[in-house]
């Protein structure tokens, strides 16, 4: 089946479920780390912990304006017909743990910022400012993290990172697919942040 046939089939399937009432009813999305995908399950550590130095990570904040709704379902005409709500109770801890684990994979020795750290140890603090997945023909998840790095009490770096994630074609606007797309978006934001971190730590 060629790409045009896949797109046409997806469009027909989407219109069918949208016009038959499946576009209605609240969806429940669970954000997970690592994302519940084959690629995430087969990922391995690329660097021994500590080869890139030591960093302290503070518990992330949740600064989203709406902490309940993380997406919307649309019908065949593009109208919002239902909400997607987050089933992850402690999103702050999940984001914090994801950042810590990914930094360890990158080769950092990660310590808790609440513990006593010397002045030379950089401290990373951050917040989740947006987490949203729209879906029409395909899922379109996004997550935004604002990250700050300080050393000896002085901020040396601040930047916002937006990650994107999608499990592909929207066959039935399922809560599971919304959740997986958002989980991938969160991981993508962290991956982009990791690429900047070596430069930030030199400041």
C-alpha atoms as a PDB file:
ATOM      1  CA  UNK A   1       0.000   0.000   0.000  1.00  0.00           C
ATOM      2  CA  UNK A   2       1.523   3.356  -1.027  1.00  0.00           C
ATOM      3  CA  UNK A   3       1.582   6.494   1.130  1.00  0.00           C
ATOM      4  CA  UNK A   4      -1.412   8.078  -0.628  1.00  0.00           C
ATOM      5  CA  UNK A   5      -3.506   5.001   0.049  1.00  0.00           C
ATOM      6  CA  UNK A   6      -2.513   5.014   3.721  1.00  0.00           C
ATOM      7  CA  UNK A   7      -3.465   8.682   4.069  1.00  0.00           C
ATOM      8  CA  UNK A   8      -6.806   8.140   2.317  1.00  0.00           C
ATOM      9  CA  UNK A   9      -7.578   5.103   4.462  1.00  0.00           C
ATOM     10  CA  UNK A  10      -6.711   7.027   7.615  1.00  0.00           C
ATOM     11  CA  UNK A  11      -8.898   9.939   6.565  1.00  0.00           C
ATOM     12  CA  UNK A  12     -11.859   7.683   5.906  1.00  0.00           C
ATOM     13  CA  UNK A  13     -11.383   5.861   9.197  1.00  0.00           C
ATOM     14  CA  UNK A  14     -11.128   9.141  11.081  1.00  0.00           C
ATOM     15  CA  UNK A  15     -14.273  10.534   9.485  1.00  0.00           C
ATOM     16  CA  UNK A  16     -16.094   7.307  10.264  1.00  0.00           C
ATOM     17  CA  UNK A  17     -15.321   7.304  13.980  1.00  0.00           C
ATOM     18  CA  UNK A  18     -15.875  11.061  14.210  1.00  0.00           C
ATOM     19  CA  UNK A  19     -19.340  10.983  12.701  1.00  0.00           C
ATOM     20  CA  UNK A  20     -20.411   7.872  14.618  1.00  0.00           C
ATOM     21  CA  UNK A  21     -20.047   9.464  18.040  1.00  0.00           C
ATOM     22  CA  UNK A  22     -16.523   8.282  18.877  1.00  0.00           C
ATOM     23  CA  UNK A  23     -15.362  11.890  18.854  1.00  0.00           C
ATOM     24  CA  UNK A  24     -17.252  12.389  22.123  1.00  0.00           C
ATOM     25  CA  UNK A  25     -16.341  11.290  25.632  1.00  0.00           C
ATOM     26  CA  UNK A  26     -13.422  12.318  27.816  1.00  0.00           C
ATOM     27  CA  UNK A  27     -10.157  10.518  27.075  1.00  0.00           C
ATOM     28  CA  UNK A  28      -7.676   9.637  29.819  1.00  0.00           C
ATOM     29  CA  UNK A  29      -3.977   9.949  28.976  1.00  0.00           C
ATOM     30  CA  UNK A  30      -1.232   8.502  31.148  1.00  0.00           C
ATOM     31  CA  UNK A  31       2.188  10.124  30.814  1.00  0.00           C
ATOM     32  CA  UNK A  32       5.005   7.648  31.382  1.00  0.00           C
ATOM     33  CA  UNK A  33       8.777   7.549  31.522  1.00  0.00           C
ATOM     34  CA  UNK A  34      10.218   5.966  29.560  1.00  0.00           C
ATOM     35  CA  UNK A  35       7.529   6.260  26.877  1.00  0.00           C
ATOM     36  CA  UNK A  36       5.673   3.019  26.274  1.00  0.00           C
ATOM     37  CA  UNK A  37       7.148   2.457  22.824  1.00  0.00           C
ATOM     38  CA  UNK A  38       9.403  -0.168  21.280  1.00  0.00           C
ATOM     39  CA  UNK A  39      12.208   2.343  20.679  1.00  0.00           C
ATOM     40  CA  UNK A  40      12.199   3.459  24.320  1.00  0.00           C
ATOM     41  CA  UNK A  41      12.236  -0.105  25.621  1.00  0.00           C
ATOM     42  CA  UNK A  42      15.294  -1.019  23.553  1.00  0.00           C
ATOM     43  CA  UNK A  43      17.271   2.139  24.427  1.00  0.00           C
ATOM     44  CA  UNK A  44      20.474   1.637  26.409  1.00  0.00           C
ATOM     45  CA  UNK A  45      22.893   3.849  28.318  1.00  0.00           C
ATOM     46  CA  UNK A  46      25.429   5.459  26.016  1.00  0.00           C
ATOM     47  CA  UNK A  47      27.923   6.737  28.629  1.00  0.00           C
ATOM     48  CA  UNK A  48      29.105   5.567  32.065  1.00  0.00           C
ATOM     49  CA  UNK A  49      27.687   7.820  34.785  1.00  0.00           C
ATOM     50  CA  UNK A  50      30.113  10.519  35.867  1.00  0.00           C
ATOM     51  CA  UNK A  51      32.280  10.877  32.767  1.00  0.00           C
ATOM     52  CA  UNK A  52      30.781  14.309  32.037  1.00  0.00           C
ATOM     53  CA  UNK A  53      31.002  15.509  35.624  1.00  0.00           C
ATOM     54  CA  UNK A  54      28.606  16.077  38.494  1.00  0.00           C
ATOM     55  CA  UNK A  55      25.305  17.937  38.473  1.00  0.00           C
ATOM     56  CA  UNK A  56      22.591  18.479  41.075  1.00  0.00           C
ATOM     57  CA  UNK A  57      18.963  18.341  39.959  1.00  0.00           C
ATOM     58  CA  UNK A  58      16.201  20.074  41.869  1.00  0.00           C
ATOM     59  CA  UNK A  59      12.612  18.826  41.875  1.00  0.00           C
ATOM     60  CA  UNK A  60      10.790  20.270  38.851  1.00  0.00           C
ATOM     61  CA  UNK A  61       7.734  22.495  39.243  1.00  0.00           C
ATOM     62  CA  UNK A  62       4.470  22.232  37.343  1.00  0.00           C
ATOM     63  CA  UNK A  63       3.726  25.729  36.059  1.00  0.00           C
ATOM     64  CA  UNK A  64       1.042  24.822  33.528  1.00  0.00           C
ATOM     65  CA  UNK A  65      -1.980  27.106  33.464  1.00  0.00           C
ATOM     66  CA  UNK A  66      -4.277  24.074  33.156  1.00  0.00           C
ATOM     67  CA  UNK A  67      -2.987  21.043  35.035  1.00  0.00           C
ATOM     68  CA  UNK A  68      -5.956  18.840  34.118  1.00  0.00           C
ATOM     69  CA  UNK A  69      -6.547  19.067  30.357  1.00  0.00           C
ATOM     70  CA  UNK A  70      -3.692  17.857  28.144  1.00  0.00           C
ATOM     71  CA  UNK A  71      -5.465  17.695  24.800  1.00  0.00           C
ATOM     72  CA  UNK A  72      -8.674  17.656  22.806  1.00  0.00           C
ATOM     73  CA  UNK A  73     -10.498  15.298  20.494  1.00  0.00           C
ATOM     74  CA  UNK A  74     -11.767  16.706  17.218  1.00  0.00           C
ATOM     75  CA  UNK A  75     -14.530  15.533  14.920  1.00  0.00           C
ATOM     76  CA  UNK A  76     -14.341  15.223  11.133  1.00  0.00           C
ATOM     77  CA  UNK A  77     -14.896  18.969  10.780  1.00  0.00           C
ATOM     78  CA  UNK A  78     -11.977  19.863  13.064  1.00  0.00           C
ATOM     79  CA  UNK A  79     -14.208  20.961  15.965  1.00  0.00           C
ATOM     80  CA  UNK A  80     -13.182  20.155  19.540  1.00  0.00           C
ATOM     81  CA  UNK A  81     -15.648  17.611  20.873  1.00  0.00           C
ATOM     82  CA  UNK A  82     -14.024  16.157  23.983  1.00  0.00           C
ATOM     83  CA  UNK A  83     -11.246  16.760  26.479  1.00  0.00           C
ATOM     84  CA  UNK A  84      -8.167  14.662  27.108  1.00  0.00           C
ATOM     85  CA  UNK A  85      -7.264  14.659  30.805  1.00  0.00           C
ATOM     86  CA  UNK A  86      -4.051  13.561  32.478  1.00  0.00           C
ATOM     87  CA  UNK A  87      -4.159  10.397  34.578  1.00  0.00           C
ATOM     88  CA  UNK A  88      -0.618  10.832  35.917  1.00  0.00           C
ATOM     89  CA  UNK A  89      -1.044  12.005  39.511  1.00  0.00           C
ATOM     90  CA  UNK A  90       2.465  13.328  40.255  1.00  0.00           C
ATOM     91  CA  UNK A  91       3.691  14.792  36.983  1.00  0.00           C
ATOM     92  CA  UNK A  92       6.352  16.841  38.822  1.00  0.00           C
ATOM     93  CA  UNK A  93       8.088  13.724  40.110  1.00  0.00           C
ATOM     94  CA  UNK A  94       7.808  11.992  36.745  1.00  0.00           C
ATOM     95  CA  UNK A  95       9.470  14.916  34.937  1.00  0.00           C
ATOM     96  CA  UNK A  96      12.179  15.145  37.590  1.00  0.00           C
ATOM     97  CA  UNK A  97      12.938  11.432  37.408  1.00  0.00           C
ATOM     98  CA  UNK A  98      12.997  11.547  33.596  1.00  0.00           C
ATOM     99  CA  UNK A  99      15.520  14.405  33.626  1.00  0.00           C
ATOM    100  CA  UNK A 100      17.705  12.651  36.191  1.00  0.00           C
ATOM    101  CA  UNK A 101      17.694   9.349  34.312  1.00  0.00           C
ATOM    102  CA  UNK A 102      18.432  10.960  30.949  1.00  0.00           C
ATOM    103  CA  UNK A 103      21.326  12.957  32.395  1.00  0.00           C
ATOM    104  CA  UNK A 104      22.754   9.778  33.895  1.00  0.00           C
ATOM    105  CA  UNK A 105      22.475   8.089  30.501  1.00  0.00           C
ATOM    106  CA  UNK A 106      24.319  11.038  28.961  1.00  0.00           C
ATOM    107  CA  UNK A 107      27.221  10.499  31.369  1.00  0.00           C
ATOM    108  CA  UNK A 108      26.562  12.806  34.324  1.00  0.00           C
ATOM    109  CA  UNK A 109      26.745  11.929  37.999  1.00  0.00           C
ATOM    110  CA  UNK A 110      23.362  13.194  39.170  1.00  0.00           C
ATOM    111  CA  UNK A 111      22.774  14.138  42.797  1.00  0.00           C
ATOM    112  CA  UNK A 112      19.779  15.538  44.635  1.00  0.00           C
ATOM    113  CA  UNK A 113      19.874  19.336  44.891  1.00  0.00           C
ATOM    114  CA  UNK A 114      18.210  19.126  48.307  1.00  0.00           C
ATOM    115  CA  UNK A 115      21.341  17.451  49.668  1.00  0.00           C
ATOM    116  CA  UNK A 116      24.437  19.415  50.602  1.00  0.00           C
ATOM    117  CA  UNK A 117      26.477  20.203  47.479  1.00  0.00           C
ATOM    118  CA  UNK A 118      29.653  22.238  47.179  1.00  0.00           C
ATOM    119  CA  UNK A 119      29.663  25.611  45.435  1.00  0.00           C
ATOM    120  CA  UNK A 120      31.364  24.234  42.335  1.00  0.00           C
ATOM    121  CA  UNK A 121      28.533  21.794  41.594  1.00  0.00           C
ATOM    122  CA  UNK A 122      26.080  23.180  39.015  1.00  0.00           C
ATOM    123  CA  UNK A 123      22.432  23.015  40.037  1.00  0.00           C
ATOM    124  CA  UNK A 124      19.708  22.434  37.448  1.00  0.00           C
ATOM    125  CA  UNK A 125      16.197  23.608  38.240  1.00  0.00           C
ATOM    126  CA  UNK A 126      13.216  23.667  35.941  1.00  0.00           C
ATOM    127  CA  UNK A 127       9.502  23.643  35.371  1.00  0.00           C
ATOM    128  CA  UNK A 128       6.962  22.095  33.052  1.00  0.00           C
ATOM    129  CA  UNK A 129       5.104  24.984  31.417  1.00  0.00           C
ATOM    130  CA  UNK A 130       3.009  23.199  28.786  1.00  0.00           C
ATOM    131  CA  UNK A 131       1.875  19.679  27.933  1.00  0.00           C
ATOM    132  CA  UNK A 132      -0.698  19.319  25.174  1.00  0.00           C
ATOM    133  CA  UNK A 133      -1.667  16.931  22.395  1.00  0.00           C
ATOM    134  CA  UNK A 134      -4.001  17.803  19.543  1.00  0.00           C
ATOM    135  CA  UNK A 135      -5.222  15.203  17.081  1.00  0.00           C
ATOM    136  CA  UNK A 136      -6.889  15.470  13.744  1.00  0.00           C
ATOM    137  CA  UNK A 137      -5.372  13.267  11.035  1.00  0.00           C
ATOM    138  CA  UNK A 138      -2.454  12.427  13.324  1.00  0.00           C
ATOM    139  CA  UNK A 139      -1.400  12.980  16.925  1.00  0.00           C
ATOM    140  CA  UNK A 140       0.556  16.170  17.608  1.00  0.00           C
ATOM    141  CA  UNK A 141       1.987  16.202  21.126  1.00  0.00           C
ATOM    142  CA  UNK A 142       4.139  18.967  22.578  1.00  0.00           C
ATOM    143  CA  UNK A 143       5.857  19.583  25.909  1.00  0.00           C
ATOM    144  CA  UNK A 144       7.748  22.645  27.093  1.00  0.00           C
ATOM    145  CA  UNK A 145      10.361  22.778  29.846  1.00  0.00           C
ATOM    146  CA  UNK A 146      11.999  25.922  31.211  1.00  0.00           C
ATOM    147  CA  UNK A 147      15.452  25.032  32.531  1.00  0.00           C
ATOM    148  CA  UNK A 148      17.860  27.075  34.638  1.00  0.00           C
ATOM    149  CA  UNK A 149      21.407  26.268  35.698  1.00  0.00           C
ATOM    150  CA  UNK A 150      23.105  28.003  38.625  1.00  0.00           C
ATOM    151  CA  UNK A 151      26.500  27.737  40.267  1.00  0.00           C
ATOM    152  CA  UNK A 152      27.354  29.108  43.720  1.00  0.00           C
ATOM    153  CA  UNK A 153      23.902  30.690  43.854  1.00  0.00           C
ATOM    154  CA  UNK A 154      24.313  32.587  40.576  1.00  0.00           C
ATOM    155  CA  UNK A 155      22.196  31.762  37.522  1.00  0.00           C
ATOM    156  CA  UNK A 156      24.437  31.088  34.537  1.00  0.00           C
ATOM    157  CA  UNK A 157      21.958  29.662  32.041  1.00  0.00           C
ATOM    158  CA  UNK A 158      18.243  29.764  31.247  1.00  0.00           C
ATOM    159  CA  UNK A 159      16.369  28.424  28.258  1.00  0.00           C
ATOM    160  CA  UNK A 160      12.976  27.067  27.186  1.00  0.00           C
ATOM    161  CA  UNK A 161      12.785  23.734  25.367  1.00  0.00           C
ATOM    162  CA  UNK A 162       9.834  22.482  23.337  1.00  0.00           C
ATOM    163  CA  UNK A 163       9.642  18.806  22.483  1.00  0.00           C
ATOM    164  CA  UNK A 164       7.422  17.127  19.899  1.00  0.00           C
ATOM    165  CA  UNK A 165       5.984  13.620  19.925  1.00  0.00           C
ATOM    166  CA  UNK A 166       3.542  11.542  17.912  1.00  0.00           C
ATOM    167  CA  UNK A 167       2.571   7.900  17.582  1.00  0.00           C
ATOM    168  CA  UNK A 168       1.389   8.605  14.050  1.00  0.00           C
ATOM    169  CA  UNK A 169      -1.995   8.375  12.386  1.00  0.00           C
ATOM    170  CA  UNK A 170      -5.085   9.023  14.497  1.00  0.00           C
ATOM    171  CA  UNK A 171      -7.160   5.891  13.997  1.00  0.00           C
ATOM    172  CA  UNK A 172      -9.561   6.307  16.899  1.00  0.00           C
ATOM    173  CA  UNK A 173      -8.553   9.168  19.230  1.00  0.00           C
ATOM    174  CA  UNK A 174      -7.565   6.790  22.024  1.00  0.00           C
ATOM    175  CA  UNK A 175      -6.375   7.966  25.410  1.00  0.00           C
ATOM    176  CA  UNK A 176      -3.440   5.569  25.163  1.00  0.00           C
ATOM    177  CA  UNK A 177      -2.203   7.193  21.951  1.00  0.00           C
ATOM    178  CA  UNK A 178      -2.556  10.672  23.418  1.00  0.00           C
ATOM    179  CA  UNK A 179      -0.537   9.572  26.440  1.00  0.00           C
ATOM    180  CA  UNK A 180       2.220   7.974  24.365  1.00  0.00           C
ATOM    181  CA  UNK A 181       2.501  11.038  22.118  1.00  0.00           C
ATOM    182  CA  UNK A 182       2.833  13.312  25.151  1.00  0.00           C
ATOM    183  CA  UNK A 183       5.403  10.997  26.742  1.00  0.00           C
ATOM    184  CA  UNK A 184       7.468  11.125  23.550  1.00  0.00           C
ATOM    185  CA  UNK A 185       7.174  14.926  23.473  1.00  0.00           C
ATOM    186  CA  UNK A 186       8.457  15.179  27.039  1.00  0.00           C
ATOM    187  CA  UNK A 187      11.414  12.937  26.247  1.00  0.00           C
ATOM    188  CA  UNK A 188      12.166  14.974  23.118  1.00  0.00           C
ATOM    189  CA  UNK A 189      12.310  18.203  25.151  1.00  0.00           C
ATOM    190  CA  UNK A 190      14.779  16.579  27.542  1.00  0.00           C
ATOM    191  CA  UNK A 191      16.893  15.300  24.639  1.00  0.00           C
ATOM    192  CA  UNK A 192      17.180  18.813  23.187  1.00  0.00           C
ATOM    193  CA  UNK A 193      18.112  20.167  26.625  1.00  0.00           C
ATOM    194  CA  UNK A 194      20.840  17.532  27.008  1.00  0.00           C
ATOM    195  CA  UNK A 195      22.546  18.745  23.841  1.00  0.00           C
ATOM    196  CA  UNK A 196      22.794  22.276  25.268  1.00  0.00           C
ATOM    197  CA  UNK A 197      23.939  21.282  28.730  1.00  0.00           C
ATOM    198  CA  UNK A 198      27.703  20.892  28.095  1.00  0.00           C
ATOM    199  CA  UNK A 199      27.846  24.497  26.835  1.00  0.00           C
ATOM    200  CA  UNK A 200      25.714  25.737  29.740  1.00  0.00           C
ATOM    201  CA  UNK A 201      27.989  24.085  32.293  1.00  0.00           C
ATOM    202  CA  UNK A 202      31.059  25.866  30.891  1.00  0.00           C
ATOM    203  CA  UNK A 203      29.638  29.267  31.797  1.00  0.00           C
END
